[in-house]
Amino acid sequence: TFCQGLEGKAPDDVDACCDELAMCSSYVCPEGFFSKPNGTGRHCRWSVCTDYDLHDCCASEGTCSAKDCPAGFSHRHDAHKIKCNTSDCEYMPWETCCAREGIC
């Protein structure tokens, strides 16, 4: 099916031209990782989850990438290297694992 609009913006183009994004719940985390606690509501980048979705859908066991960050914050660039005392970093201060979004 061809898109009606040049950039897929015509009203019928969404159904005709766009695939629904896959959900993280369909991604199987590899060894050494586990599904993020709130990962079931997350979308993958494409219609099928791939290894590009690893850090969006899964967290490294025992590192800051397992910690949920509050609104306005995201994981530090090295979150996957910062070790926690537990696999889900429950007792790790979020400030250790998260940084304000949009600030280098």
N, C-alpha and C. Protein backbone atom coordinates (compact mmCIF):
# COMPACT_ATOMS: atom_id res chain seq x y z
N THR A 1 0.85 -1.18 0.00
CA THR A 1 0.00 0.00 0.00
C THR A 1 0.89 1.24 0.00
N PHE A 2 0.55 2.19 -0.83
CA PHE A 2 1.32 3.42 -0.90
C PHE A 2 0.70 4.47 0.01
N CYS A 3 1.54 5.31 0.58
CA CYS A 3 1.06 6.40 1.42
C CYS A 3 0.43 7.46 0.53
N GLN A 4 -0.64 8.08 1.00
CA GLN A 4 -1.31 9.12 0.22
C GLN A 4 -0.54 10.43 0.28
N GLY A 5 0.02 10.74 1.43
CA GLY A 5 0.76 11.98 1.59
C GLY A 5 2.24 11.76 1.32
N LEU A 6 2.95 12.83 1.04
CA LEU A 6 4.37 12.71 0.74
C LEU A 6 5.18 12.25 1.94
N GLU A 7 4.74 12.57 3.15
CA GLU A 7 5.49 12.22 4.35
C GLU A 7 4.69 11.35 5.30
N GLY A 8 3.68 10.68 4.77
CA GLY A 8 2.89 9.81 5.62
C GLY A 8 2.02 10.55 6.61
N LYS A 9 1.58 11.76 6.24
CA LYS A 9 0.80 12.57 7.18
C LYS A 9 -0.67 12.67 6.82
N ALA A 10 -1.07 12.07 5.70
CA ALA A 10 -2.48 12.10 5.33
C ALA A 10 -3.25 11.26 6.36
N PRO A 11 -4.53 11.55 6.60
CA PRO A 11 -5.29 10.88 7.66
C PRO A 11 -5.28 9.35 7.57
N ASP A 12 -5.32 8.78 6.39
CA ASP A 12 -5.34 7.33 6.26
C ASP A 12 -3.96 6.70 6.28
N ASP A 13 -2.92 7.52 6.28
CA ASP A 13 -1.56 6.99 6.19
C ASP A 13 -1.12 6.22 7.42
N VAL A 14 -1.62 6.57 8.58
CA VAL A 14 -1.19 5.89 9.79
C VAL A 14 -1.49 4.40 9.69
N ASP A 15 -2.72 4.06 9.30
CA ASP A 15 -3.08 2.66 9.18
C ASP A 15 -2.41 2.00 7.99
N ALA A 16 -2.23 2.73 6.91
CA ALA A 16 -1.68 2.14 5.69
C ALA A 16 -0.16 2.06 5.71
N CYS A 17 0.49 2.95 6.41
CA CYS A 17 1.94 3.05 6.28
C CYS A 17 2.73 2.82 7.56
N CYS A 18 2.09 2.82 8.69
CA CYS A 18 2.83 2.74 9.95
C CYS A 18 2.54 1.42 10.66
N ASP A 19 3.61 0.75 11.09
CA ASP A 19 3.46 -0.44 11.90
C ASP A 19 3.40 -0.02 13.35
N GLU A 20 2.66 -0.76 14.15
CA GLU A 20 2.59 -0.49 15.57
C GLU A 20 3.93 -0.85 16.21
N LEU A 21 4.38 -0.04 17.14
CA LEU A 21 5.65 -0.31 17.83
C LEU A 21 5.49 -1.52 18.74
N ALA A 22 6.51 -2.35 18.77
CA ALA A 22 6.51 -3.50 19.66
C ALA A 22 6.66 -3.03 21.11
N MET A 23 6.24 -3.86 22.02
CA MET A 23 6.34 -3.55 23.44
C MET A 23 7.54 -4.28 24.04
N CYS A 24 8.14 -3.68 25.05
CA CYS A 24 9.27 -4.31 25.73
C CYS A 24 8.90 -5.68 26.31
N SER A 25 7.64 -5.88 26.60
CA SER A 25 7.21 -7.18 27.15
C SER A 25 7.47 -8.31 26.15
N SER A 26 7.67 -8.00 24.87
CA SER A 26 7.96 -9.03 23.88
C SER A 26 9.47 -9.28 23.71
N TYR A 27 10.29 -8.49 24.39
CA TYR A 27 11.74 -8.61 24.28
C TYR A 27 12.26 -9.54 25.37
N VAL A 28 13.09 -10.49 24.99
CA VAL A 28 13.68 -11.40 25.96
C VAL A 28 15.07 -10.87 26.32
N CYS A 29 15.23 -10.50 27.58
CA CYS A 29 16.50 -9.95 28.03
C CYS A 29 17.57 -11.04 28.05
N PRO A 30 18.78 -10.72 27.60
CA PRO A 30 19.85 -11.71 27.60
C PRO A 30 20.38 -11.98 29.00
N GLU A 31 21.24 -12.97 29.11
CA GLU A 31 21.84 -13.32 30.40
C GLU A 31 22.58 -12.11 30.96
N GLY A 32 22.43 -11.90 32.27
CA GLY A 32 23.06 -10.75 32.93
C GLY A 32 22.16 -9.53 32.97
N PHE A 33 20.96 -9.64 32.41
CA PHE A 33 19.98 -8.55 32.40
C PHE A 33 18.63 -9.09 32.86
N PHE A 34 17.77 -8.18 33.30
CA PHE A 34 16.40 -8.56 33.64
C PHE A 34 15.46 -7.46 33.16
N SER A 35 14.20 -7.82 32.96
CA SER A 35 13.21 -6.84 32.48
C SER A 35 13.05 -5.74 33.51
N LYS A 36 13.05 -4.50 33.05
CA LYS A 36 12.85 -3.38 33.97
C LYS A 36 11.47 -3.50 34.59
N PRO A 37 11.34 -3.10 35.87
CA PRO A 37 10.05 -3.23 36.56
C PRO A 37 8.90 -2.58 35.81
N ASN A 38 9.13 -1.43 35.19
CA ASN A 38 8.06 -0.75 34.45
C ASN A 38 8.24 -0.94 32.94
N GLY A 39 8.98 -1.96 32.55
CA GLY A 39 9.28 -2.19 31.14
C GLY A 39 8.10 -2.67 30.32
N THR A 40 7.09 -3.25 30.96
CA THR A 40 5.97 -3.79 30.19
C THR A 40 5.19 -2.69 29.48
N GLY A 41 5.22 -1.47 29.98
CA GLY A 41 4.51 -0.37 29.34
C GLY A 41 5.38 0.42 28.37
N ARG A 42 6.62 0.01 28.19
CA ARG A 42 7.54 0.72 27.30
C ARG A 42 7.46 0.16 25.88
N HIS A 43 7.69 1.05 24.92
CA HIS A 43 7.73 0.64 23.52
C HIS A 43 9.17 0.45 23.05
N CYS A 44 9.34 -0.47 22.11
CA CYS A 44 10.62 -0.65 21.44
C CYS A 44 10.70 0.40 20.33
N ARG A 45 11.82 0.45 19.66
CA ARG A 45 12.04 1.47 18.63
C ARG A 45 11.31 1.17 17.32
N TRP A 46 11.08 -0.12 17.06
CA TRP A 46 10.43 -0.51 15.80
C TRP A 46 9.29 -1.48 16.07
N SER A 47 8.75 -2.05 15.01
CA SER A 47 7.63 -2.98 15.14
C SER A 47 8.06 -4.32 15.73
N VAL A 48 9.35 -4.57 15.79
CA VAL A 48 9.91 -5.76 16.43
C VAL A 48 11.05 -5.28 17.32
N CYS A 49 11.10 -5.76 18.54
CA CYS A 49 12.19 -5.37 19.44
C CYS A 49 13.49 -6.01 18.96
N THR A 50 14.57 -5.25 19.08
CA THR A 50 15.89 -5.74 18.68
C THR A 50 16.87 -5.44 19.81
N ASP A 51 18.13 -5.77 19.60
CA ASP A 51 19.14 -5.49 20.62
C ASP A 51 19.35 -4.00 20.84
N TYR A 52 18.88 -3.17 19.93
CA TYR A 52 18.94 -1.72 20.14
C TYR A 52 18.05 -1.30 21.30
N ASP A 53 17.08 -2.14 21.66
CA ASP A 53 16.15 -1.84 22.75
C ASP A 53 16.61 -2.38 24.10
N LEU A 54 17.77 -2.99 24.12
CA LEU A 54 18.26 -3.65 25.33
C LEU A 54 18.16 -2.75 26.57
N HIS A 55 18.75 -1.55 26.51
CA HIS A 55 18.80 -0.70 27.71
C HIS A 55 17.49 0.04 27.97
N ASP A 56 16.58 0.05 27.01
CA ASP A 56 15.25 0.62 27.25
C ASP A 56 14.34 -0.40 27.93
N CYS A 57 14.52 -1.67 27.59
CA CYS A 57 13.64 -2.72 28.09
C CYS A 57 14.21 -3.50 29.27
N CYS A 58 15.53 -3.55 29.35
CA CYS A 58 16.18 -4.40 30.35
C CYS A 58 17.17 -3.59 31.17
N ALA A 59 17.50 -4.13 32.31
CA ALA A 59 18.50 -3.51 33.17
C ALA A 59 19.57 -4.54 33.48
N SER A 60 20.79 -4.06 33.60
CA SER A 60 21.89 -4.94 34.01
C SER A 60 21.67 -5.33 35.46
N GLU A 61 21.92 -6.58 35.76
CA GLU A 61 21.76 -7.02 37.13
C GLU A 61 22.78 -6.33 38.03
N GLY A 62 22.27 -5.69 39.06
CA GLY A 62 23.14 -5.08 40.05
C GLY A 62 23.81 -3.78 39.66
N THR A 63 23.24 -3.06 38.69
CA THR A 63 23.79 -1.76 38.31
C THR A 63 22.69 -0.71 38.33
N CYS A 64 23.09 0.54 38.25
CA CYS A 64 22.14 1.66 38.31
C CYS A 64 21.11 1.66 37.19
N SER A 65 21.36 0.97 36.09
CA SER A 65 20.37 0.96 35.02
C SER A 65 19.08 0.26 35.46
N ALA A 66 19.10 -0.42 36.60
CA ALA A 66 17.90 -1.05 37.14
C ALA A 66 17.06 -0.07 37.96
N LYS A 67 17.63 1.05 38.35
CA LYS A 67 16.95 2.03 39.20
C LYS A 67 16.00 2.89 38.38
N ASP A 68 14.79 3.09 38.84
CA ASP A 68 13.87 4.02 38.18
C ASP A 68 14.25 5.43 38.55
N CYS A 69 14.29 6.31 37.55
CA CYS A 69 14.61 7.72 37.77
C CYS A 69 13.32 8.52 37.88
N PRO A 70 13.30 9.55 38.71
CA PRO A 70 12.10 10.39 38.83
C PRO A 70 11.88 11.22 37.55
N ALA A 71 10.70 11.80 37.44
CA ALA A 71 10.35 12.65 36.29
C ALA A 71 11.37 13.77 36.14
N GLY A 72 11.79 14.04 34.90
CA GLY A 72 12.75 15.08 34.64
C GLY A 72 14.20 14.62 34.73
N PHE A 73 14.40 13.35 35.06
CA PHE A 73 15.74 12.78 35.18
C PHE A 73 15.81 11.50 34.35
N SER A 74 17.00 11.15 33.91
CA SER A 74 17.21 9.90 33.20
C SER A 74 18.52 9.30 33.69
N HIS A 75 18.76 8.05 33.30
CA HIS A 75 19.97 7.37 33.77
C HIS A 75 21.23 8.10 33.33
N ARG A 76 22.22 8.10 34.19
CA ARG A 76 23.54 8.64 33.84
C ARG A 76 24.08 7.83 32.68
N HIS A 77 24.97 8.42 31.89
CA HIS A 77 25.53 7.72 30.74
C HIS A 77 26.27 6.45 31.14
N ASP A 78 26.77 6.39 32.36
CA ASP A 78 27.52 5.23 32.82
C ASP A 78 26.73 4.40 33.83
N ALA A 79 25.41 4.53 33.82
CA ALA A 79 24.57 3.83 34.80
C ALA A 79 24.78 2.32 34.76
N HIS A 80 25.05 1.78 33.59
CA HIS A 80 25.26 0.34 33.46
C HIS A 80 26.57 -0.13 34.10
N LYS A 81 27.42 0.81 34.51
CA LYS A 81 28.70 0.46 35.14
C LYS A 81 28.69 0.70 36.65
N ILE A 82 27.71 1.46 37.16
CA ILE A 82 27.66 1.79 38.59
C ILE A 82 26.98 0.64 39.33
N LYS A 83 27.72 -0.04 40.18
CA LYS A 83 27.22 -1.22 40.89
C LYS A 83 26.33 -0.83 42.07
N CYS A 84 25.32 -1.66 42.29
CA CYS A 84 24.39 -1.49 43.42
C CYS A 84 24.54 -2.68 44.37
N ASN A 85 23.98 -2.55 45.55
CA ASN A 85 24.02 -3.63 46.53
C ASN A 85 22.98 -4.71 46.24
N THR A 86 21.96 -4.38 45.48
CA THR A 86 20.91 -5.34 45.12
C THR A 86 20.70 -5.31 43.62
N SER A 87 20.03 -6.31 43.08
CA SER A 87 19.83 -6.39 41.63
C SER A 87 18.93 -5.28 41.11
N ASP A 88 18.04 -4.76 41.95
CA ASP A 88 17.14 -3.70 41.48
C ASP A 88 17.52 -2.31 42.00
N CYS A 89 18.62 -2.22 42.73
CA CYS A 89 19.13 -0.95 43.28
C CYS A 89 18.11 -0.23 44.16
N GLU A 90 17.27 -1.00 44.80
CA GLU A 90 16.20 -0.43 45.62
C GLU A 90 16.71 0.55 46.66
N TYR A 91 17.85 0.26 47.26
CA TYR A 91 18.34 1.10 48.36
C TYR A 91 19.40 2.11 47.92
N MET A 92 19.68 2.17 46.63
CA MET A 92 20.66 3.13 46.10
C MET A 92 19.97 4.47 45.93
N PRO A 93 20.56 5.57 46.39
CA PRO A 93 19.96 6.89 46.19
C PRO A 93 19.83 7.18 44.69
N TRP A 94 18.68 7.70 44.27
CA TRP A 94 18.46 7.93 42.84
C TRP A 94 19.46 8.94 42.29
N GLU A 95 19.97 9.84 43.12
CA GLU A 95 20.94 10.84 42.67
C GLU A 95 22.23 10.19 42.17
N THR A 96 22.54 9.01 42.67
CA THR A 96 23.74 8.30 42.25
C THR A 96 23.58 7.74 40.84
N CYS A 97 22.36 7.39 40.49
CA CYS A 97 22.09 6.71 39.23
C CYS A 97 21.50 7.61 38.15
N CYS A 98 20.92 8.72 38.52
CA CYS A 98 20.16 9.56 37.59
C CYS A 98 20.73 10.97 37.49
N ALA A 99 20.51 11.58 36.35
CA ALA A 99 20.94 12.97 36.12
C ALA A 99 19.78 13.73 35.49
N ARG A 100 19.75 15.02 35.70
CA ARG A 100 18.69 15.86 35.13
C ARG A 100 18.76 15.75 33.60
N GLU A 101 17.61 15.57 32.97
CA GLU A 101 17.55 15.45 31.51
C GLU A 101 17.96 16.76 30.83
N GLY A 102 18.68 16.65 29.74
CA GLY A 102 19.06 17.81 28.94
C GLY A 102 20.29 18.53 29.43
N ILE A 103 20.96 17.99 30.44
CA ILE A 103 22.19 18.62 30.95
C ILE A 103 23.34 17.64 30.80
N CYS A 104 24.42 18.11 30.23
CA CYS A 104 25.58 17.24 30.01
C CYS A 104 26.40 17.12 31.26
